[in-house]
Amino acid sequence: MKRKLVLANGMEFVGKAFGSKKEVISEVVFNTSCVGYQEILSDPSYTDQMICMTYPLIGNYGVIDEDYESKLFGPRAMIVHEYNDKPSNFRYTKTLNEVMEENDVVGLTHVDTRALTRVIRDNGAMIGIICDEDVSVETALEKIESYPLPHDQIARVSCKKIWYSRCANPKFNVVAIDCGIKYNIIRDLNRNGCNVTIVPYNTTSKKIMDLKPDGIFLSNGPGDPKDVMNLVELIKELQGKKPIFGICLGHQIIALANGFETYKLKFGHRGANHPVKNNITGKIEITSQNHSYAVKYKDDPRVEITHYNLLDNTVEGLEIKQDRVFSVQYHPESAAGPEDSKYLFKKFIDNMIACKEVQ
């Protein structure tokens, strides 16, 4: 069954359908990872986006039950050059096509993804529509024009009630504010001796403090951080009371709470090989990233810029030492580099130990 992608600039990319066959409109972005399509598909940070995979072969190792990053399926569509429906992997339990059909995610294969990626890279991320091949460009553009840009992604992906992830012989109690949290983050906290209480994004500071946390974690999530200014105010209320660690959207929220500005990148950072310089150690870290927005640099004596992106010099990490607050823009729980990248979780643990000693 032939279908096509029409971009807001009028360009068409014809391909073949897999997954759900519905018509879908959303922002089109690209990801440069060679593997990890299942983790991308189950990452809530991709909510309301179509993902163009630059690696040409997708689906070849299937989908594995144990490897999901959440129960939610973030992307509305996945666009690939060649979809493989016959996986070779002793662990696989379903094909990518089966999972996408079950979860109503649209697929488009046999697309010139190199050309599409260059269009997005040169012109910026833009809205697109995947529709039947016989739909006229004029009709497609009318639908794109009438598409309302969403601002409620975090409300949709955040948990609706408190839930728990406990570990054996816990040493710390961490409250994680869920903006679209990934399972691997929770697993890393559990591995470091933390019982984790996951709370909705709109939980009050009083409720969080009533849970008696040793530390507070602010998760990744989709969309514009300025859409959730209530979270910025929440961090202002909590900062200085307990150690805080933020990742991705959490990094942007912490930055906003400390007087920094955020802005939308031309085409975002999405991939598993982004070089980031650690200003503290001088080392280069190869990182996994997925975000559309970045923190604008400013000179503030209270805030130390700990990391920056070597591709475009965007702020990748910051720290407010006196409040035991720090954050990074990338995803250390899924880093492409060595296990040394998990040092940030140890830093969070050390901050909680230091806070306990003071008390």
Protein backbone atom coordinates (compact mmCIF):
# COMPACT_ATOMS: atom_id res chain seq x y z
CA MET A 1 0.00 0.00 0.00
CA LYS A 2 1.59 3.25 -1.14
CA ARG A 3 1.37 6.31 1.13
CA LYS A 4 3.26 9.57 1.32
CA LEU A 5 4.63 12.23 3.62
CA VAL A 6 3.85 15.82 2.72
CA LEU A 7 5.85 18.53 4.50
CA ALA A 8 4.64 22.04 5.31
CA ASN A 9 6.92 23.38 2.53
CA GLY A 10 5.03 21.28 -0.05
CA MET A 11 7.65 18.57 -0.56
CA GLU A 12 6.40 14.98 -1.00
CA PHE A 13 8.08 11.70 -0.04
CA VAL A 14 6.30 8.60 -1.33
CA GLY A 15 6.74 5.25 0.40
CA LYS A 16 4.98 2.10 1.56
CA ALA A 17 2.84 1.69 4.66
CA PHE A 18 3.52 -0.44 7.73
CA GLY A 19 2.19 -0.21 11.27
CA SER A 20 -1.05 1.77 11.62
CA LYS A 21 -2.61 2.98 8.37
CA LYS A 22 -4.35 6.07 9.79
CA GLU A 23 -3.68 9.61 8.62
CA VAL A 24 -1.43 11.54 11.00
CA ILE A 25 -0.15 15.12 11.32
CA SER A 26 2.74 16.17 13.57
CA GLU A 27 6.23 17.67 13.68
CA VAL A 28 8.84 15.79 11.62
CA VAL A 29 12.30 15.33 13.20
CA PHE A 30 15.22 12.96 12.64
CA ASN A 31 17.27 10.62 14.85
CA THR A 32 20.80 9.50 13.92
CA SER A 33 20.97 6.40 16.17
CA CYS A 34 22.00 3.13 14.53
CA VAL A 35 20.06 1.03 17.07
CA GLY A 36 17.40 1.67 19.69
CA TYR A 37 14.25 2.07 17.61
CA GLN A 38 12.25 0.30 20.34
CA GLU A 39 13.54 2.67 23.02
CA ILE A 40 12.75 5.62 20.73
CA LEU A 41 9.25 4.31 20.07
CA SER A 42 8.54 3.97 23.81
CA ASP A 43 10.13 7.28 24.87
CA PRO A 44 7.41 9.79 25.92
CA SER A 45 9.76 12.66 25.00
CA TYR A 46 8.83 12.00 21.34
CA THR A 47 5.13 12.71 21.95
CA ASP A 48 3.47 14.41 18.94
CA GLN A 49 6.44 13.88 16.63
CA MET A 50 7.23 11.80 13.54
CA ILE A 51 10.70 10.26 13.70
CA CYS A 52 12.78 9.91 10.56
CA MET A 53 15.45 7.28 11.27
CA THR A 54 18.67 8.07 9.41
CA TYR A 55 20.05 4.53 9.82
CA PRO A 56 18.77 2.71 6.70
CA LEU A 57 17.64 -0.66 8.14
CA ILE A 58 15.00 -0.68 10.88
CA GLY A 59 13.16 -3.64 12.45
CA ASN A 60 15.90 -6.21 11.90
CA TYR A 61 16.19 -7.29 15.55
CA GLY A 62 12.48 -7.05 16.39
CA VAL A 63 10.99 -5.82 19.65
CA ILE A 64 11.86 -7.26 23.08
CA ASP A 65 9.39 -7.19 25.99
CA GLU A 66 12.03 -6.25 28.58
CA ASP A 67 13.46 -3.29 26.64
CA TYR A 68 10.62 -0.76 26.69
CA GLU A 69 11.34 2.67 28.18
CA SER A 70 7.70 3.22 29.20
CA LYS A 71 4.21 1.87 28.65
CA LEU A 72 3.51 4.87 26.41
CA PHE A 73 4.31 5.18 22.72
CA GLY A 74 5.52 8.73 22.13
CA PRO A 75 5.95 9.13 18.34
CA ARG A 76 2.93 9.38 16.08
CA ALA A 77 4.91 7.90 13.20
CA MET A 78 8.23 6.34 12.25
CA ILE A 79 9.73 6.98 8.81
CA VAL A 80 12.43 4.58 7.58
CA HIS A 81 14.39 3.74 4.45
CA GLU A 82 13.94 -0.03 4.70
CA TYR A 83 11.72 -1.88 7.16
CA ASN A 84 12.67 -5.51 7.91
CA ASP A 85 9.72 -7.67 9.00
CA LYS A 86 11.78 -10.84 9.59
CA PRO A 87 13.90 -10.16 12.68
CA SER A 88 16.97 -12.19 13.54
CA ASN A 89 17.29 -12.07 17.33
CA PHE A 90 16.78 -14.87 19.87
CA ARG A 91 15.29 -12.36 22.35
CA TYR A 92 12.64 -10.82 20.11
CA THR A 93 8.99 -11.35 21.03
CA LYS A 94 7.20 -9.27 18.36
CA THR A 95 7.97 -7.53 15.11
CA LEU A 96 8.11 -3.74 15.01
CA ASN A 97 5.15 -3.76 12.62
CA GLU A 98 3.02 -5.76 15.08
CA VAL A 99 3.81 -3.40 17.95
CA MET A 100 3.12 -0.29 15.87
CA GLU A 101 -0.19 -1.72 14.65
CA GLU A 102 -1.25 -2.59 18.22
CA ASN A 103 -0.37 0.90 19.47
CA ASP A 104 -1.69 2.88 16.50
CA VAL A 105 1.70 4.26 15.40
CA VAL A 106 2.00 4.98 11.67
CA GLY A 107 4.93 3.58 9.67
CA LEU A 108 6.30 4.68 6.30
CA THR A 109 9.09 2.71 4.59
CA HIS A 110 10.98 2.89 1.27
CA VAL A 111 11.51 6.62 1.82
CA ASP A 112 14.67 8.49 0.83
CA THR A 113 15.50 9.27 4.45
CA ARG A 114 18.83 10.88 3.56
CA ALA A 115 17.04 13.48 1.42
CA LEU A 116 14.35 14.00 4.07
CA THR A 117 16.97 14.46 6.80
CA ARG A 118 18.80 17.08 4.72
CA VAL A 119 15.55 18.98 4.20
CA ILE A 120 14.91 19.06 7.96
CA ARG A 121 18.54 19.91 8.70
CA ASP A 122 18.60 22.79 6.22
CA ASN A 123 15.08 24.15 6.79
CA GLY A 124 14.40 23.10 10.39
CA ALA A 125 11.86 20.74 11.92
CA MET A 126 8.44 21.27 10.38
CA ILE A 127 4.91 19.90 10.45
CA GLY A 128 4.09 17.08 8.06
CA ILE A 129 1.24 14.75 7.22
CA ILE A 130 1.34 11.05 6.30
CA CYS A 131 -1.65 10.28 4.11
CA ASP A 132 -2.78 8.14 1.17
CA GLU A 133 -0.88 8.67 -2.06
CA ASP A 134 -3.92 10.02 -3.89
CA VAL A 135 -4.43 12.95 -1.49
CA SER A 136 -3.50 16.15 -3.32
CA VAL A 137 -0.69 18.37 -2.05
CA GLU A 138 -3.16 21.25 -1.77
CA THR A 139 -5.48 19.21 0.48
CA ALA A 140 -2.54 18.00 2.57
CA LEU A 141 -1.26 21.55 3.06
CA GLU A 142 -4.72 22.75 4.10
CA LYS A 143 -4.79 20.05 6.80
CA ILE A 144 -1.31 20.99 7.96
CA GLU A 145 -2.30 24.66 8.10
CA SER A 146 -5.27 23.89 10.35
CA TYR A 147 -3.25 21.64 12.69
CA PRO A 148 -3.25 23.14 16.22
CA LEU A 149 0.19 23.03 17.82
CA PRO A 150 -0.11 21.02 21.08
CA HIS A 151 0.99 22.44 24.43
CA ASP A 152 -0.34 19.75 26.78
CA GLN A 153 2.10 16.90 26.10
CA ILE A 154 3.43 16.67 29.66
CA ALA A 155 -0.08 16.54 31.12
CA ARG A 156 -0.82 13.62 28.79
CA VAL A 157 2.32 11.57 29.46
CA SER A 158 2.77 12.16 33.19
CA CYS A 159 1.41 9.51 35.56
CA LYS A 160 -2.03 10.23 36.98
CA LYS A 161 -1.30 8.94 40.46
CA ILE A 162 1.71 8.10 42.63
CA TRP A 163 3.47 4.79 42.02
CA TYR A 164 6.56 3.13 43.47
CA SER A 165 9.69 1.32 42.33
CA ARG A 166 11.48 -0.23 45.28
CA CYS A 167 14.84 -1.98 45.61
CA ALA A 168 16.39 -4.43 48.07
CA ASN A 169 18.11 -2.86 51.11
CA PRO A 170 17.27 0.76 50.21
CA LYS A 171 19.48 3.54 51.51
CA PHE A 172 17.64 6.55 50.07
CA ASN A 173 14.12 7.67 49.24
CA VAL A 174 13.92 9.62 45.98
CA VAL A 175 10.82 11.41 44.72
CA ALA A 176 10.81 11.51 40.91
CA ILE A 177 8.61 14.13 39.25
CA ASP A 178 7.20 12.45 36.16
CA CYS A 179 7.18 14.56 32.99
CA GLY A 180 7.53 11.45 30.80
CA ILE A 181 10.09 9.47 32.78
CA LYS A 182 11.99 6.55 31.22
CA TYR A 183 12.28 3.18 32.97
CA ASN A 184 16.08 3.13 32.64
CA ILE A 185 16.33 6.22 34.85
CA ILE A 186 14.29 4.50 37.55
CA ARG A 187 16.36 1.31 37.18
CA ASP A 188 19.60 3.29 37.65
CA LEU A 189 18.24 4.93 40.80
CA ASN A 190 17.16 1.51 42.11
CA ARG A 191 20.61 0.08 41.32
CA ASN A 192 22.12 2.86 43.42
CA GLY A 193 20.06 1.89 46.47
CA CYS A 194 17.15 4.28 46.00
CA ASN A 195 13.50 3.54 46.58
CA VAL A 196 11.75 5.72 43.99
CA THR A 197 8.34 7.33 44.45
CA ILE A 198 7.09 8.58 41.08
CA VAL A 199 4.63 11.50 41.32
CA PRO A 200 2.58 13.42 38.71
CA TYR A 201 4.08 16.59 37.26
CA ASN A 202 1.51 18.80 39.02
CA THR A 203 2.20 17.51 42.55
CA THR A 204 2.60 20.30 45.10
CA SER A 205 5.82 21.02 46.96
CA LYS A 206 4.06 20.26 50.26
CA LYS A 207 2.99 16.83 49.02
CA ILE A 208 6.52 16.09 47.82
CA MET A 209 8.09 17.14 51.12
CA ASP A 210 5.46 15.12 53.03
CA LEU A 211 6.90 12.04 51.29
CA LYS A 212 10.16 12.74 53.18
CA PRO A 213 12.55 12.48 50.22
CA ASP A 214 16.30 12.35 50.57
CA GLY A 215 16.50 13.75 47.05
CA ILE A 216 14.26 14.94 44.22
CA PHE A 217 14.61 13.89 40.59
CA LEU A 218 13.11 15.90 37.70
CA SER A 219 12.60 13.77 34.61
CA ASN A 220 12.82 14.10 30.87
CA GLY A 221 9.68 14.89 28.88
CA PRO A 222 8.25 16.28 25.63
CA GLY A 223 7.51 19.78 24.40
CA ASP A 224 8.39 23.32 25.39
CA PRO A 225 9.52 23.74 29.03
CA LYS A 226 7.71 27.10 29.11
CA ASP A 227 4.42 25.20 28.73
CA VAL A 228 4.82 24.00 32.34
CA MET A 229 5.73 27.12 34.29
CA ASN A 230 4.06 25.51 37.31
CA LEU A 231 7.06 23.14 37.36
CA VAL A 232 9.44 26.10 37.30
CA GLU A 233 7.67 27.54 40.34
CA LEU A 234 7.75 24.10 42.00
CA ILE A 235 11.54 23.88 41.63
CA LYS A 236 11.91 27.40 43.04
CA GLU A 237 9.97 26.23 46.11
CA LEU A 238 11.99 23.02 46.51
CA GLN A 239 15.47 24.29 45.69
CA GLY A 240 17.71 24.37 48.73
CA LYS A 241 15.51 22.03 50.75
CA LYS A 242 16.73 18.75 49.24
CA PRO A 243 19.28 17.73 46.56
CA ILE A 244 17.78 17.94 43.05
CA PHE A 245 18.91 16.17 39.88
CA GLY A 246 17.36 16.94 36.47
CA ILE A 247 17.72 15.28 33.07
CA CYS A 248 16.71 16.72 29.67
CA LEU A 249 13.44 18.63 30.22
CA GLY A 250 14.37 18.57 33.93
CA HIS A 251 17.59 20.42 33.01
CA GLN A 252 15.60 23.09 31.15
CA ILE A 253 13.13 23.52 34.03
CA ILE A 254 15.97 23.93 36.56
CA ALA A 255 17.60 26.48 34.24
CA LEU A 256 14.37 28.49 33.97
CA ALA A 257 13.94 28.34 37.75
CA ASN A 258 17.38 29.95 38.10
CA GLY A 259 16.86 32.83 35.69
CA PHE A 260 18.16 31.29 32.45
CA GLU A 261 16.22 31.34 29.17
CA THR A 262 15.34 28.45 26.85
CA TYR A 263 14.84 28.49 23.08
CA LYS A 264 13.87 26.09 20.31
CA LEU A 265 16.68 24.57 18.26
CA LYS A 266 16.47 24.54 14.47
CA PHE A 267 16.18 20.75 14.25
CA GLY A 268 16.97 19.54 17.76
CA HIS A 269 19.46 16.98 19.05
CA ARG A 270 18.42 13.35 18.56
CA GLY A 271 20.95 10.55 18.42
CA ALA A 272 23.40 8.41 20.37
CA ASN A 273 26.71 10.02 19.40
CA HIS A 274 26.62 13.68 20.46
CA PRO A 275 29.98 14.87 21.85
CA VAL A 276 29.72 16.80 25.11
CA LYS A 277 32.66 18.34 26.97
CA ASN A 278 32.72 18.00 30.74
CA ASN A 279 34.17 21.31 31.93
CA ILE A 280 35.06 19.83 35.34
CA THR A 281 37.16 16.90 34.10
CA GLY A 282 38.06 18.14 30.62
CA LYS A 283 36.87 14.82 29.17
CA ILE A 284 34.65 14.37 26.12
CA GLU A 285 31.53 12.28 26.68
CA ILE A 286 29.66 10.59 23.83
CA THR A 287 26.01 11.03 24.74
CA SER A 288 22.46 10.05 23.87
CA GLN A 289 20.18 13.03 23.26
CA ASN A 290 16.57 13.77 22.43
CA HIS A 291 15.30 17.33 22.72
CA SER A 292 14.00 20.28 20.69
CA TYR A 293 14.82 23.03 23.21
CA ALA A 294 18.08 24.24 24.73
CA VAL A 295 19.26 26.50 27.55
CA LYS A 296 20.66 29.88 26.52
CA TYR A 297 24.04 30.67 28.05
CA LYS A 298 24.40 33.51 30.53
CA ASP A 299 27.03 34.45 33.07
CA ASP A 300 25.75 33.88 36.61
CA PRO A 301 28.15 33.57 39.55
CA ARG A 302 25.71 31.29 41.39
CA VAL A 303 25.46 28.79 38.52
CA GLU A 304 28.36 26.76 37.13
CA ILE A 305 28.12 25.58 33.51
CA THR A 306 29.44 22.02 33.83
CA HIS A 307 28.95 20.69 30.29
CA TYR A 308 28.55 22.05 26.79
CA ASN A 309 27.79 20.51 23.39
CA LEU A 310 30.78 20.43 21.04
CA LEU A 311 28.57 20.51 17.94
CA ASP A 312 26.88 23.85 18.64
CA ASN A 313 28.14 25.02 22.06
CA THR A 314 24.71 24.72 23.71
CA VAL A 315 24.58 24.40 27.50
CA GLU A 316 24.52 20.68 28.40
CA GLY A 317 24.89 20.83 32.17
CA LEU A 318 24.72 23.20 35.11
CA GLU A 319 25.13 23.12 38.88
CA ILE A 320 24.14 25.30 41.84
CA LYS A 321 26.52 23.91 44.45
CA GLN A 322 25.19 25.73 47.49
CA ASP A 323 21.74 24.18 46.91
CA ARG A 324 23.04 20.75 45.78
CA VAL A 325 21.18 21.12 42.49
CA PHE A 326 22.56 19.94 39.14
CA SER A 327 21.28 18.86 35.75
CA VAL A 328 22.31 17.64 32.31
CA GLN A 329 20.63 18.00 28.93
CA TYR A 330 21.63 14.54 27.68
CA HIS A 331 20.51 11.07 28.86
CA PRO A 332 23.19 9.46 31.06
CA GLU A 333 20.98 6.42 31.72
CA SER A 334 21.22 5.44 28.04
CA ALA A 335 24.65 6.82 27.20
CA ALA A 336 26.41 5.52 24.14
CA GLY A 337 29.77 5.71 25.90
CA PRO A 338 31.32 3.74 28.78
CA GLU A 339 29.80 3.03 32.17
CA ASP A 340 31.70 6.06 33.46
CA SER A 341 28.74 8.10 32.21
CA LYS A 342 26.77 6.84 35.22
CA TYR A 343 28.88 9.10 37.47
CA LEU A 344 25.99 11.57 37.56
CA PHE A 345 23.84 9.14 39.54
CA LYS A 346 26.73 8.70 41.99
CA LYS A 347 26.95 12.49 42.28
CA PHE A 348 23.25 12.58 43.19
CA ILE A 349 23.87 9.90 45.83
CA ASP A 350 26.83 11.85 47.22
CA ASN A 351 24.67 14.98 47.47
CA MET A 352 22.02 13.07 49.40
CA ILE A 353 24.66 11.66 51.77
CA ALA A 354 26.10 15.15 52.35
CA CYS A 355 22.63 16.57 52.99
CA LYS A 356 21.91 13.82 55.54
CA GLU A 357 25.19 14.50 57.33
CA VAL A 358 24.36 18.22 57.68
CA GLN A 359 20.95 17.40 59.12
